[in-house]
Amino acid sequence: MPERERVPPPPPVGGTIRAILTHPDPGLRAPCTAAALVAPAERERLAADLLATMYDARGRGLAAPQVGRAVRMFVMVSVIIATSRFETS
């Protein structure tokens, strides 16, 4: 029987969990501002919120427009957990 896919534990980010928009919400098609034009403190807060929301949803990645922010920014899990059928537990 294959081992269940494991998601790495969330890092301590202290962000706020936000609602995730889904298709056909018009906010997903809004033009986005470059992340470099967002104030650094606001950009850090948005990154923390994106991470907290992504881990709460047990996702692999999340973009700012998906939480209602028209900013070109995303977060993702970059850890690959390989499992082998020969692995013993």
PDB file of N, CA and C in Angstrom:
ATOM      1  N   MET A   1       0.857  -1.178   0.000  1.00  0.00           N
ATOM      2  CA  MET A   1       0.000   0.000   0.000  1.00  0.00           C
ATOM      3  C   MET A   1       0.904   1.244   0.000  1.00  0.00           C
ATOM      4  N   PRO A   2       0.650   2.210  -0.881  1.00  0.00           N
ATOM      5  CA  PRO A   2       1.493   3.414  -0.929  1.00  0.00           C
ATOM      6  C   PRO A   2       1.331   4.254   0.331  1.00  0.00           C
ATOM      7  N   GLU A   3       2.429   4.858   0.713  1.00  0.00           N
ATOM      8  CA  GLU A   3       2.409   5.725   1.894  1.00  0.00           C
ATOM      9  C   GLU A   3       1.653   7.010   1.569  1.00  0.00           C
ATOM     10  N   ARG A   4       0.908   7.504   2.547  1.00  0.00           N
ATOM     11  CA  ARG A   4       0.196   8.780   2.352  1.00  0.00           C
ATOM     12  C   ARG A   4       1.187   9.888   2.099  1.00  0.00           C
ATOM     13  N   GLU A   5       0.816  10.780   1.211  1.00  0.00           N
ATOM     14  CA  GLU A   5       1.665  11.934   0.904  1.00  0.00           C
ATOM     15  C   GLU A   5       1.746  12.820   2.136  1.00  0.00           C
ATOM     16  N   ARG A   6       2.956  13.229   2.482  1.00  0.00           N
ATOM     17  CA  ARG A   6       3.156  14.058   3.663  1.00  0.00           C
ATOM     18  C   ARG A   6       3.407  15.497   3.262  1.00  0.00           C
ATOM     19  N   VAL A   7       2.808  16.415   3.990  1.00  0.00           N
ATOM     20  CA  VAL A   7       3.020  17.844   3.778  1.00  0.00           C
ATOM     21  C   VAL A   7       3.926  18.330   4.900  1.00  0.00           C
ATOM     22  N   PRO A   8       4.972  19.085   4.568  1.00  0.00           N
ATOM     23  CA  PRO A   8       5.851  19.585   5.628  1.00  0.00           C
ATOM     24  C   PRO A   8       5.067  20.450   6.612  1.00  0.00           C
ATOM     25  N   PRO A   9       5.464  20.471   7.866  1.00  0.00           N
ATOM     26  CA  PRO A   9       4.753  21.307   8.832  1.00  0.00           C
ATOM     27  C   PRO A   9       4.922  22.778   8.483  1.00  0.00           C
ATOM     28  N   PRO A  10       3.933  23.591   8.812  1.00  0.00           N
ATOM     29  CA  PRO A  10       4.034  25.013   8.490  1.00  0.00           C
ATOM     30  C   PRO A  10       5.134  25.699   9.290  1.00  0.00           C
ATOM     31  N   PRO A  11       5.804  26.648   8.646  1.00  0.00           N
ATOM     32  CA  PRO A  11       6.804  27.413   9.385  1.00  0.00           C
ATOM     33  C   PRO A  11       6.099  28.400  10.306  1.00  0.00           C
ATOM     34  N   PRO A  12       6.761  28.875  11.350  1.00  0.00           N
ATOM     35  CA  PRO A  12       6.129  29.860  12.233  1.00  0.00           C
ATOM     36  C   PRO A  12       6.112  31.222  11.543  1.00  0.00           C
ATOM     37  N   VAL A  13       5.008  31.562  10.910  1.00  0.00           N
ATOM     38  CA  VAL A  13       4.934  32.813  10.148  1.00  0.00           C
ATOM     39  C   VAL A  13       4.056  33.873  10.811  1.00  0.00           C
ATOM     40  N   GLY A  14       3.098  33.464  11.607  1.00  0.00           N
ATOM     41  CA  GLY A  14       2.247  34.433  12.290  1.00  0.00           C
ATOM     42  C   GLY A  14       1.300  35.187  11.391  1.00  0.00           C
ATOM     43  N   GLY A  15       1.018  34.665  10.213  1.00  0.00           N
ATOM     44  CA  GLY A  15       0.105  35.340   9.290  1.00  0.00           C
ATOM     45  C   GLY A  15      -1.350  35.063   9.625  1.00  0.00           C
ATOM     46  N   THR A  16      -2.216  35.783   8.958  1.00  0.00           N
ATOM     47  CA  THR A  16      -3.660  35.628   9.110  1.00  0.00           C
ATOM     48  C   THR A  16      -4.185  34.722   8.007  1.00  0.00           C
ATOM     49  N   ILE A  17      -5.036  33.781   8.359  1.00  0.00           N
ATOM     50  CA  ILE A  17      -5.641  32.900   7.366  1.00  0.00           C
ATOM     51  C   ILE A  17      -6.748  33.683   6.666  1.00  0.00           C
ATOM     52  N   ARG A  18      -6.659  33.766   5.351  1.00  0.00           N
ATOM     53  CA  ARG A  18      -7.638  34.501   4.550  1.00  0.00           C
ATOM     54  C   ARG A  18      -8.504  33.542   3.747  1.00  0.00           C
ATOM     55  N   ALA A  19      -9.650  34.040   3.305  1.00  0.00           N
ATOM     56  CA  ALA A  19     -10.537  33.255   2.439  1.00  0.00           C
ATOM     57  C   ALA A  19      -9.889  33.130   1.064  1.00  0.00           C
ATOM     58  N   ILE A  20      -9.995  31.951   0.460  1.00  0.00           N
ATOM     59  CA  ILE A  20      -9.442  31.719  -0.870  1.00  0.00           C
ATOM     60  C   ILE A  20     -10.545  31.885  -1.906  1.00  0.00           C
ATOM     61  N   LEU A  21     -10.290  32.764  -2.884  1.00  0.00           N
ATOM     62  CA  LEU A  21     -11.249  32.998  -3.961  1.00  0.00           C
ATOM     63  C   LEU A  21     -11.178  31.847  -4.958  1.00  0.00           C
ATOM     64  N   THR A  22     -12.327  31.515  -5.536  1.00  0.00           N
ATOM     65  CA  THR A  22     -12.377  30.470  -6.550  1.00  0.00           C
ATOM     66  C   THR A  22     -13.056  30.991  -7.808  1.00  0.00           C
ATOM     67  N   HIS A  23     -12.799  30.317  -8.921  1.00  0.00           N
ATOM     68  CA  HIS A  23     -13.417  30.670 -10.202  1.00  0.00           C
ATOM     69  C   HIS A  23     -14.924  30.579 -10.057  1.00  0.00           C
ATOM     70  N   PRO A  24     -15.687  31.514 -10.527  1.00  0.00           N
ATOM     71  CA  PRO A  24     -15.406  32.603 -11.457  1.00  0.00           C
ATOM     72  C   PRO A  24     -15.284  33.976 -10.793  1.00  0.00           C
ATOM     73  N   ASP A  25     -14.750  34.065  -9.596  1.00  0.00           N
ATOM     74  CA  ASP A  25     -14.626  35.352  -8.915  1.00  0.00           C
ATOM     75  C   ASP A  25     -13.861  36.347  -9.798  1.00  0.00           C
ATOM     76  N   PRO A  26     -14.424  37.532 -10.046  1.00  0.00           N
ATOM     77  CA  PRO A  26     -13.762  38.508 -10.926  1.00  0.00           C
ATOM     78  C   PRO A  26     -12.426  39.015 -10.391  1.00  0.00           C
ATOM     79  N   GLY A  27     -12.193  38.901  -9.091  1.00  0.00           N
ATOM     80  CA  GLY A  27     -10.925  39.331  -8.518  1.00  0.00           C
ATOM     81  C   GLY A  27      -9.743  38.525  -9.037  1.00  0.00           C
ATOM     82  N   LEU A  28     -10.023  37.331  -9.537  1.00  0.00           N
ATOM     83  CA  LEU A  28      -8.951  36.485 -10.067  1.00  0.00           C
ATOM     84  C   LEU A  28      -8.473  36.963 -11.440  1.00  0.00           C
ATOM     85  N   ARG A  29      -9.246  37.799 -12.093  1.00  0.00           N
ATOM     86  CA  ARG A  29      -8.870  38.288 -13.423  1.00  0.00           C
ATOM     87  C   ARG A  29      -8.427  39.749 -13.408  1.00  0.00           C
ATOM     88  N   ALA A  30      -8.377  40.343 -12.232  1.00  0.00           N
ATOM     89  CA  ALA A  30      -7.988  41.763 -12.124  1.00  0.00           C
ATOM     90  C   ALA A  30      -6.499  41.924 -12.441  1.00  0.00           C
ATOM     91  N   PRO A  31      -6.128  43.029 -13.107  1.00  0.00           N
ATOM     92  CA  PRO A  31      -4.701  43.287 -13.361  1.00  0.00           C
ATOM     93  C   PRO A  31      -3.965  43.441 -12.034  1.00  0.00           C
ATOM     94  N   CYS A  32      -2.749  42.949 -11.983  1.00  0.00           N
ATOM     95  CA  CYS A  32      -1.978  42.956 -10.735  1.00  0.00           C
ATOM     96  C   CYS A  32      -0.849  43.973 -10.751  1.00  0.00           C
ATOM     97  N   THR A  33      -0.552  44.510  -9.586  1.00  0.00           N
ATOM     98  CA  THR A  33       0.559  45.426  -9.362  1.00  0.00           C
ATOM     99  C   THR A  33       1.818  44.610  -9.104  1.00  0.00           C
ATOM    100  N   ALA A  34       2.957  45.115  -9.538  1.00  0.00           N
ATOM    101  CA  ALA A  34       4.232  44.447  -9.247  1.00  0.00           C
ATOM    102  C   ALA A  34       4.468  44.450  -7.739  1.00  0.00           C
ATOM    103  N   ALA A  35       4.973  43.355  -7.221  1.00  0.00           N
ATOM    104  CA  ALA A  35       5.232  43.247  -5.780  1.00  0.00           C
ATOM    105  C   ALA A  35       6.241  44.296  -5.316  1.00  0.00           C
ATOM    106  N   ALA A  36       7.160  44.686  -6.184  1.00  0.00           N
ATOM    107  CA  ALA A  36       8.175  45.681  -5.816  1.00  0.00           C
ATOM    108  C   ALA A  36       7.566  47.046  -5.520  1.00  0.00           C
ATOM    109  N   LEU A  37       6.346  47.292  -6.007  1.00  0.00           N
ATOM    110  CA  LEU A  37       5.684  48.578  -5.767  1.00  0.00           C
ATOM    111  C   LEU A  37       4.884  48.598  -4.468  1.00  0.00           C
ATOM    112  N   VAL A  38       4.827  47.466  -3.784  1.00  0.00           N
ATOM    113  CA  VAL A  38       4.114  47.373  -2.505  1.00  0.00           C
ATOM    114  C   VAL A  38       5.123  47.674  -1.397  1.00  0.00           C
ATOM    115  N   ALA A  39       4.697  48.440  -0.394  1.00  0.00           N
ATOM    116  CA  ALA A  39       5.577  48.794   0.723  1.00  0.00           C
ATOM    117  C   ALA A  39       6.140  47.529   1.374  1.00  0.00           C
ATOM    118  N   PRO A  40       7.416  47.544   1.765  1.00  0.00           N
ATOM    119  CA  PRO A  40       8.049  46.348   2.336  1.00  0.00           C
ATOM    120  C   PRO A  40       7.280  45.718   3.503  1.00  0.00           C
ATOM    121  N   ALA A  41       6.795  46.521   4.427  1.00  0.00           N
ATOM    122  CA  ALA A  41       6.067  45.967   5.578  1.00  0.00           C
ATOM    123  C   ALA A  41       4.778  45.277   5.124  1.00  0.00           C
ATOM    124  N   GLU A  42       4.093  45.883   4.172  1.00  0.00           N
ATOM    125  CA  GLU A  42       2.854  45.296   3.652  1.00  0.00           C
ATOM    126  C   GLU A  42       3.158  44.010   2.872  1.00  0.00           C
ATOM    127  N   ARG A  43       4.260  44.017   2.137  1.00  0.00           N
ATOM    128  CA  ARG A  43       4.680  42.833   1.369  1.00  0.00           C
ATOM    129  C   ARG A  43       5.000  41.672   2.323  1.00  0.00           C
ATOM    130  N   GLU A  44       5.684  41.953   3.417  1.00  0.00           N
ATOM    131  CA  GLU A  44       5.993  40.907   4.402  1.00  0.00           C
ATOM    132  C   GLU A  44       4.734  40.362   5.052  1.00  0.00           C
ATOM    133  N   ARG A  45       3.800  41.253   5.365  1.00  0.00           N
ATOM    134  CA  ARG A  45       2.534  40.827   5.975  1.00  0.00           C
ATOM    135  C   ARG A  45       1.738  39.956   4.986  1.00  0.00           C
ATOM    136  N   LEU A  46       1.730  40.359   3.709  1.00  0.00           N
ATOM    137  CA  LEU A  46       1.025  39.579   2.698  1.00  0.00           C
ATOM    138  C   LEU A  46       1.672  38.203   2.534  1.00  0.00           C
ATOM    139  N   ALA A  47       2.996  38.143   2.525  1.00  0.00           N
ATOM    140  CA  ALA A  47       3.696  36.860   2.407  1.00  0.00           C
ATOM    141  C   ALA A  47       3.336  35.944   3.587  1.00  0.00           C
ATOM    142  N   ALA A  48       3.315  36.497   4.791  1.00  0.00           N
ATOM    143  CA  ALA A  48       2.952  35.707   5.977  1.00  0.00           C
ATOM    144  C   ALA A  48       1.514  35.215   5.876  1.00  0.00           C
ATOM    145  N   ASP A  49       0.607  36.075   5.406  1.00  0.00           N
ATOM    146  CA  ASP A  49      -0.793  35.680   5.242  1.00  0.00           C
ATOM    147  C   ASP A  49      -0.936  34.583   4.187  1.00  0.00           C
ATOM    148  N   LEU A  50      -0.185  34.719   3.085  1.00  0.00           N
ATOM    149  CA  LEU A  50      -0.246  33.702   2.030  1.00  0.00           C
ATOM    150  C   LEU A  50       0.241  32.356   2.560  1.00  0.00           C
ATOM    151  N   LEU A  51       1.345  32.352   3.293  1.00  0.00           N
ATOM    152  CA  LEU A  51       1.860  31.101   3.857  1.00  0.00           C
ATOM    153  C   LEU A  51       0.873  30.483   4.845  1.00  0.00           C
ATOM    154  N   ALA A  52       0.339  31.294   5.744  1.00  0.00           N
ATOM    155  CA  ALA A  52      -0.613  30.775   6.736  1.00  0.00           C
ATOM    156  C   ALA A  52      -1.847  30.190   6.046  1.00  0.00           C
ATOM    157  N   THR A  53      -2.342  30.877   5.024  1.00  0.00           N
ATOM    158  CA  THR A  53      -3.528  30.414   4.296  1.00  0.00           C
ATOM    159  C   THR A  53      -3.225  29.135   3.525  1.00  0.00           C
ATOM    160  N   MET A  54      -2.057  29.093   2.859  1.00  0.00           N
ATOM    161  CA  MET A  54      -1.678  27.919   2.084  1.00  0.00           C
ATOM    162  C   MET A  54      -1.557  26.690   2.982  1.00  0.00           C
ATOM    163  N   TYR A  55      -0.867  26.821   4.119  1.00  0.00           N
ATOM    164  CA  TYR A  55      -0.707  25.677   5.013  1.00  0.00           C
ATOM    165  C   TYR A  55      -2.038  25.263   5.639  1.00  0.00           C
ATOM    166  N   ASP A  56      -2.903  26.228   5.948  1.00  0.00           N
ATOM    167  CA  ASP A  56      -4.214  25.893   6.507  1.00  0.00           C
ATOM    168  C   ASP A  56      -5.035  25.080   5.500  1.00  0.00           C
ATOM    169  N   ALA A  57      -4.896  25.416   4.211  1.00  0.00           N
ATOM    170  CA  ALA A  57      -5.631  24.708   3.163  1.00  0.00           C
ATOM    171  C   ALA A  57      -4.920  23.431   2.720  1.00  0.00           C
ATOM    172  N   ARG A  58      -3.766  23.134   3.342  1.00  0.00           N
ATOM    173  CA  ARG A  58      -2.941  21.980   2.986  1.00  0.00           C
ATOM    174  C   ARG A  58      -2.585  22.000   1.509  1.00  0.00           C
ATOM    175  N   GLY A  59      -2.237  23.208   1.029  1.00  0.00           N
ATOM    176  CA  GLY A  59      -1.909  23.387  -0.376  1.00  0.00           C
ATOM    177  C   GLY A  59      -0.426  23.310  -0.649  1.00  0.00           C
ATOM    178  N   ARG A  60      -0.080  23.475  -1.911  1.00  0.00           N
ATOM    179  CA  ARG A  60       1.311  23.449  -2.370  1.00  0.00           C
ATOM    180  C   ARG A  60       1.780  24.827  -2.809  1.00  0.00           C
ATOM    181  N   GLY A  61       0.847  25.718  -3.108  1.00  0.00           N
ATOM    182  CA  GLY A  61       1.197  27.059  -3.542  1.00  0.00           C
ATOM    183  C   GLY A  61      -0.046  27.936  -3.515  1.00  0.00           C
ATOM    184  N   LEU A  62       0.174  29.245  -3.479  1.00  0.00           N
ATOM    185  CA  LEU A  62      -0.942  30.189  -3.421  1.00  0.00           C
ATOM    186  C   LEU A  62      -0.470  31.533  -3.943  1.00  0.00           C
ATOM    187  N   ALA A  63      -1.301  32.185  -4.745  1.00  0.00           N
ATOM    188  CA  ALA A  63      -0.967  33.497  -5.291  1.00  0.00           C
ATOM    189  C   ALA A  63      -1.816  34.569  -4.612  1.00  0.00           C
ATOM    190  N   ALA A  64      -1.260  35.770  -4.542  1.00  0.00           N
ATOM    191  CA  ALA A  64      -1.952  36.878  -3.879  1.00  0.00           C
ATOM    192  C   ALA A  64      -3.368  37.124  -4.428  1.00  0.00           C
ATOM    193  N   PRO A  65      -3.597  37.066  -5.762  1.00  0.00           N
ATOM    194  CA  PRO A  65      -4.967  37.269  -6.247  1.00  0.00           C
ATOM    195  C   PRO A  65      -5.968  36.254  -5.690  1.00  0.00           C
ATOM    196  N   GLN A  66      -5.491  35.068  -5.301  1.00  0.00           N
ATOM    197  CA  GLN A  66      -6.386  34.057  -4.755  1.00  0.00           C
ATOM    198  C   GLN A  66      -6.904  34.415  -3.365  1.00  0.00           C
ATOM    199  N   VAL A  67      -6.276  35.397  -2.718  1.00  0.00           N
ATOM    200  CA  VAL A  67      -6.776  35.862  -1.424  1.00  0.00           C
ATOM    201  C   VAL A  67      -7.289  37.304  -1.529  1.00  0.00           C
ATOM    202  N   GLY A  68      -7.566  37.730  -2.755  1.00  0.00           N
ATOM    203  CA  GLY A  68      -8.179  39.039  -2.958  1.00  0.00           C
ATOM    204  C   GLY A  68      -7.220  40.210  -3.071  1.00  0.00           C
ATOM    205  N   ARG A  69      -5.927  39.962  -3.234  1.00  0.00           N
ATOM    206  CA  ARG A  69      -4.937  41.031  -3.375  1.00  0.00           C
ATOM    207  C   ARG A  69      -4.372  41.012  -4.785  1.00  0.00           C
ATOM    208  N   ALA A  70      -4.552  42.079  -5.534  1.00  0.00           N
ATOM    209  CA  ALA A  70      -4.084  42.172  -6.917  1.00  0.00           C
ATOM    210  C   ALA A  70      -2.608  42.563  -6.955  1.00  0.00           C
ATOM    211  N   VAL A  71      -1.764  41.648  -6.503  1.00  0.00           N
ATOM    212  CA  VAL A  71      -0.310  41.849  -6.446  1.00  0.00           C
ATOM    213  C   VAL A  71       0.344  40.624  -7.083  1.00  0.00           C
ATOM    214  N   ARG A  72       1.401  40.839  -7.881  1.00  0.00           N
ATOM    215  CA  ARG A  72       2.121  39.720  -8.504  1.00  0.00           C
ATOM    216  C   ARG A  72       3.062  39.078  -7.480  1.00  0.00           C
ATOM    217  N   MET A  73       2.479  38.183  -6.700  1.00  0.00           N
ATOM    218  CA  MET A  73       3.244  37.539  -5.631  1.00  0.00           C
ATOM    219  C   MET A  73       2.634  36.174  -5.355  1.00  0.00           C
ATOM    220  N   PHE A  74       3.498  35.187  -5.075  1.00  0.00           N
ATOM    221  CA  PHE A  74       2.996  33.860  -4.718  1.00  0.00           C
ATOM    222  C   PHE A  74       3.959  33.202  -3.743  1.00  0.00           C
ATOM    223  N   VAL A  75       3.464  32.169  -3.076  1.00  0.00           N
ATOM    224  CA  VAL A  75       4.286  31.345  -2.195  1.00  0.00           C
ATOM    225  C   VAL A  75       4.072  29.899  -2.614  1.00  0.00           C
ATOM    226  N   MET A  76       5.068  29.057  -2.303  1.00  0.00           N
ATOM    227  CA  MET A  76       4.924  27.642  -2.631  1.00  0.00           C
ATOM    228  C   MET A  76       5.773  26.796  -1.692  1.00  0.00           C
ATOM    229  N   VAL A  77       5.391  25.542  -1.569  1.00  0.00           N
ATOM    230  CA  VAL A  77       6.181  24.577  -0.822  1.00  0.00           C
ATOM    231  C   VAL A  77       7.234  24.064  -1.792  1.00  0.00           C
ATOM    232  N   SER A  78       8.488  24.203  -1.421  1.00  0.00           N
ATOM    233  CA  SER A  78       9.548  23.778  -2.335  1.00  0.00           C
ATOM    234  C   SER A  78      10.270  22.528  -1.858  1.00  0.00           C
ATOM    235  N   VAL A  79       9.736  21.879  -0.851  1.00  0.00           N
ATOM    236  CA  VAL A  79      10.335  20.656  -0.318  1.00  0.00           C
ATOM    237  C   VAL A  79       9.706  19.465  -1.021  1.00  0.00           C
ATOM    238  N   ILE A  80      10.547  18.579  -1.521  1.00  0.00           N
ATOM    239  CA  ILE A  80      10.055  17.358  -2.146  1.00  0.00           C
ATOM    240  C   ILE A  80      10.348  16.217  -1.187  1.00  0.00           C
ATOM    241  N   ILE A  81       9.301  15.509  -0.820  1.00  0.00           N
ATOM    242  CA  ILE A  81       9.465  14.374   0.072  1.00  0.00           C
ATOM    243  C   ILE A  81       9.313  13.115  -0.774  1.00  0.00           C
ATOM    244  N   ALA A  82      10.413  12.445  -1.015  1.00  0.00           N
ATOM    245  CA  ALA A  82      10.395  11.227  -1.825  1.00  0.00           C
ATOM    246  C   ALA A  82      10.163  10.028  -0.928  1.00  0.00           C
ATOM    247  N   THR A  83       9.318   9.153  -1.366  1.00  0.00           N
ATOM    248  CA  THR A  83       9.104   7.913  -0.632  1.00  0.00           C
ATOM    249  C   THR A  83       9.452   6.760  -1.559  1.00  0.00           C
ATOM    250  N   SER A  84       9.914   5.716  -0.985  1.00  0.00           N
ATOM    251  CA  SER A  84      10.293   4.538  -1.753  1.00  0.00           C
ATOM    252  C   SER A  84       9.492   3.351  -1.268  1.00  0.00           C
ATOM    253  N   ARG A  85       9.160   2.482  -2.172  1.00  0.00           N
ATOM    254  CA  ARG A  85       8.431   1.278  -1.754  1.00  0.00           C
ATOM    255  C   ARG A  85       9.326   0.344  -0.954  1.00  0.00           C
ATOM    256  N   PHE A  86      10.659   0.620  -0.979  1.00  0.00           N
ATOM    257  CA  PHE A  86      11.611  -0.184  -0.232  1.00  0.00           C
ATOM    258  C   PHE A  86      11.905   0.401   1.150  1.00  0.00           C
ATOM    259  N   GLU A  87      11.329   1.575   1.417  1.00  0.00           N
ATOM    260  CA  GLU A  87      11.565   2.248   2.691  1.00  0.00           C
ATOM    261  C   GLU A  87      10.862   1.483   3.803  1.00  0.00           C
ATOM    262  N   THR A  88      11.495   1.380   4.955  1.00  0.00           N
ATOM    263  CA  THR A  88      10.855   0.733   6.106  1.00  0.00           C
ATOM    264  C   THR A  88      10.589   1.770   7.177  1.00  0.00           C
ATOM    265  N   SER A  89       9.520   1.567   7.888  1.00  0.00           N
ATOM    266  CA  SER A  89       9.162   2.519   8.946  1.00  0.00           C
ATOM    267  C   SER A  89       9.280   1.872  10.304  1.00  0.00           C
TER     268      SER A  89
END
